[in-house]
Protein backbone atom coordinates (compact mmCIF):
# COMPACT_ATOMS: atom_id res chain seq x y z
CA UNK A 1 4.11 -3.33 18.09
CA UNK A 2 2.87 -4.51 14.91
CA UNK A 3 6.08 -5.17 12.22
CA UNK A 4 4.93 -5.04 8.72
CA UNK A 5 7.75 -6.34 5.92
CA UNK A 6 7.24 -5.48 2.56
CA UNK A 7 8.41 -7.43 -0.68
CA UNK A 8 7.96 -7.60 -4.75
CA UNK A 9 9.83 -3.91 -5.60
CA UNK A 10 11.74 -4.08 -8.53
CA UNK A 11 12.60 -2.25 -11.71
CA UNK A 12 9.92 -2.30 -14.86
CA UNK A 13 9.38 -0.88 -17.89
CA UNK A 14 6.62 1.89 -18.55
CA UNK A 15 3.33 -0.43 -19.04
CA UNK A 16 4.00 -3.15 -16.98
CA UNK A 17 2.80 -5.14 -13.83
CA UNK A 18 4.42 -5.69 -10.42
CA UNK A 19 3.32 -7.34 -7.55
CA UNK A 20 3.89 -6.14 -3.81
CA UNK A 21 3.09 -7.96 -0.90
CA UNK A 22 3.26 -7.44 3.01
CA UNK A 23 3.37 -9.54 5.42
CA UNK A 24 2.15 -8.33 9.50
CA UNK A 25 3.43 -9.77 12.27
CA UNK A 26 0.72 -9.97 13.98
CA UNK A 27 -3.21 -10.74 13.05
CA UNK A 28 -4.62 -7.84 10.74
CA UNK A 29 -8.12 -8.10 11.27
CA UNK A 30 -9.40 -5.15 13.53
CA UNK A 31 -6.77 -3.09 11.27
CA UNK A 32 -6.95 -0.79 8.01
CA UNK A 33 -4.69 -2.07 6.20
CA UNK A 34 -2.74 0.41 4.22
CA UNK A 35 -0.79 1.25 1.03
CA UNK A 36 1.47 4.61 0.56
CA UNK A 37 4.40 5.77 -1.61
CA UNK A 38 7.17 8.26 -1.51
CA UNK A 39 9.03 9.83 -4.58
CA UNK A 40 11.93 11.47 -4.32
CA UNK A 41 11.62 14.87 -2.74
CA UNK A 42 7.66 14.63 -2.45
CA UNK A 43 5.57 13.64 0.75
CA UNK A 44 3.84 10.35 1.70
CA UNK A 45 1.34 9.67 -1.24
CA UNK A 46 -1.99 7.82 -0.55
CA UNK A 47 -2.27 4.58 -2.34
CA UNK A 48 -4.64 2.25 -1.51
CA UNK A 49 -6.86 0.96 1.78
CA UNK A 50 -8.71 -1.60 3.15
CA UNK A 51 -11.19 -1.23 5.79
CA UNK A 52 -10.68 -2.57 9.07
CA UNK A 53 -14.08 -4.31 9.68
CA UNK A 54 -15.37 -5.39 5.81
CA UNK A 55 -12.25 -5.26 4.00
CA UNK A 56 -13.96 -2.68 1.60
CA UNK A 57 -11.70 -0.89 -0.45
CA UNK A 58 -10.43 2.75 -1.42
CA UNK A 59 -8.19 4.20 -3.67
CA UNK A 60 -5.72 7.27 -4.37
CA UNK A 61 -7.03 8.62 -7.65
CA UNK A 62 -3.78 8.67 -9.34
CA UNK A 63 -3.46 4.53 -9.08
CA UNK A 64 -7.47 4.29 -9.69
CA UNK A 65 -8.57 1.46 -12.29
CA UNK A 66 -4.66 0.06 -12.39
CA UNK A 67 -3.69 -1.02 -9.11
CA UNK A 68 -5.84 -3.27 -7.19
CA UNK A 69 -5.32 -3.92 -3.41
CA UNK A 70 -6.75 -7.50 -1.63
CA UNK A 71 -5.91 -8.64 2.21
CA UNK A 72 -5.82 -12.36 3.31
CA UNK A 73 -6.63 -12.50 7.03
CA UNK A 74 -6.00 -15.77 7.31
CA UNK A 75 -2.08 -15.39 6.40
CA UNK A 76 -1.94 -11.86 7.77
CA UNK A 77 -1.23 -10.47 4.48
CA UNK A 78 -2.03 -7.90 1.99
CA UNK A 79 -1.14 -7.34 -1.97
CA UNK A 80 -0.66 -4.34 -4.52
CA UNK A 81 -1.45 -5.61 -7.75
CA UNK A 82 0.10 -2.37 -9.81
CA UNK A 83 -0.61 -2.73 -13.54
CA UNK A 84 -0.13 -0.51 -16.80
CA UNK A 85 2.82 1.01 -14.49
CA UNK A 86 4.15 4.52 -15.89
CA UNK A 87 6.98 6.48 -15.06
CA UNK A 88 5.38 8.66 -12.37
CA UNK A 89 4.30 5.40 -10.50
CA UNK A 90 8.41 5.51 -9.61
CA UNK A 91 8.74 5.63 -5.64
CA UNK A 92 9.22 4.07 -2.34
CA UNK A 93 6.01 1.64 -1.30
CA UNK A 94 5.10 1.28 2.10
CA UNK A 95 2.70 -1.28 3.91
CA UNK A 96 0.82 0.54 7.01
CA UNK A 97 -1.38 -0.54 9.43
CA UNK A 98 -3.77 1.29 12.03
CA UNK A 99 -6.14 -0.40 14.65
CA UNK A 100 -9.74 0.36 13.92
CA UNK A 101 -10.44 3.26 11.59
CA UNK A 102 -11.95 6.86 11.00
CA UNK A 103 -13.06 8.93 8.15
CA UNK A 104 -11.96 8.81 4.72
CA UNK A 105 -9.99 11.80 4.74
CA UNK A 106 -8.01 10.95 7.93
CA UNK A 107 -7.39 7.50 6.82
CA UNK A 108 -5.78 8.52 3.69
CA UNK A 109 -3.71 10.52 5.36
CA UNK A 110 0.23 8.99 6.51
CA UNK A 111 -0.05 10.36 9.64
CA UNK A 112 -3.27 8.45 10.75
CA UNK A 113 -0.98 5.37 10.18
CA UNK A 114 1.32 3.83 13.67
CA UNK A 115 2.69 0.89 12.17
CA UNK A 116 4.95 0.85 8.98
CA UNK A 117 7.16 -1.04 6.75
CA UNK A 118 10.62 -0.37 6.08
CA UNK A 119 9.41 0.28 2.41
CA UNK A 120 10.07 -1.53 -1.19
CA UNK A 121 11.21 0.17 -4.65
CA UNK A 122 9.59 0.72 -7.31
CA UNK A 123 11.23 2.02 -10.31
CA UNK A 124 9.20 1.98 -13.60
CA UNK A 125 11.30 2.98 -16.90
CA UNK A 126 10.13 5.08 -19.33
């Protein structure tokens, strides 16, 4: 089973930036790679994903225009560049992976993904 390890979380002021990384234990080719987040008392929210076959990128509405995901299939890593951070971006951020892909709605659901990292905390101070 693929192991995922996130890094790069921390404390930042509103308006600042952070870059998260996720390292996979095996080749990510053929996998949909995604980022989710979970704020206290809330469910996991879709943030971004890279389509399995061509790396096409999709974002949740709350982060469009501020966050940018990238993947490096040579290094088996994905990153999430987060700019213009807001207080409401405070959450634990998780990297997730699923072999192959399905429709957009299904791929935005956390239950679709079988492989998860341990999460990294992002705290944005107002």
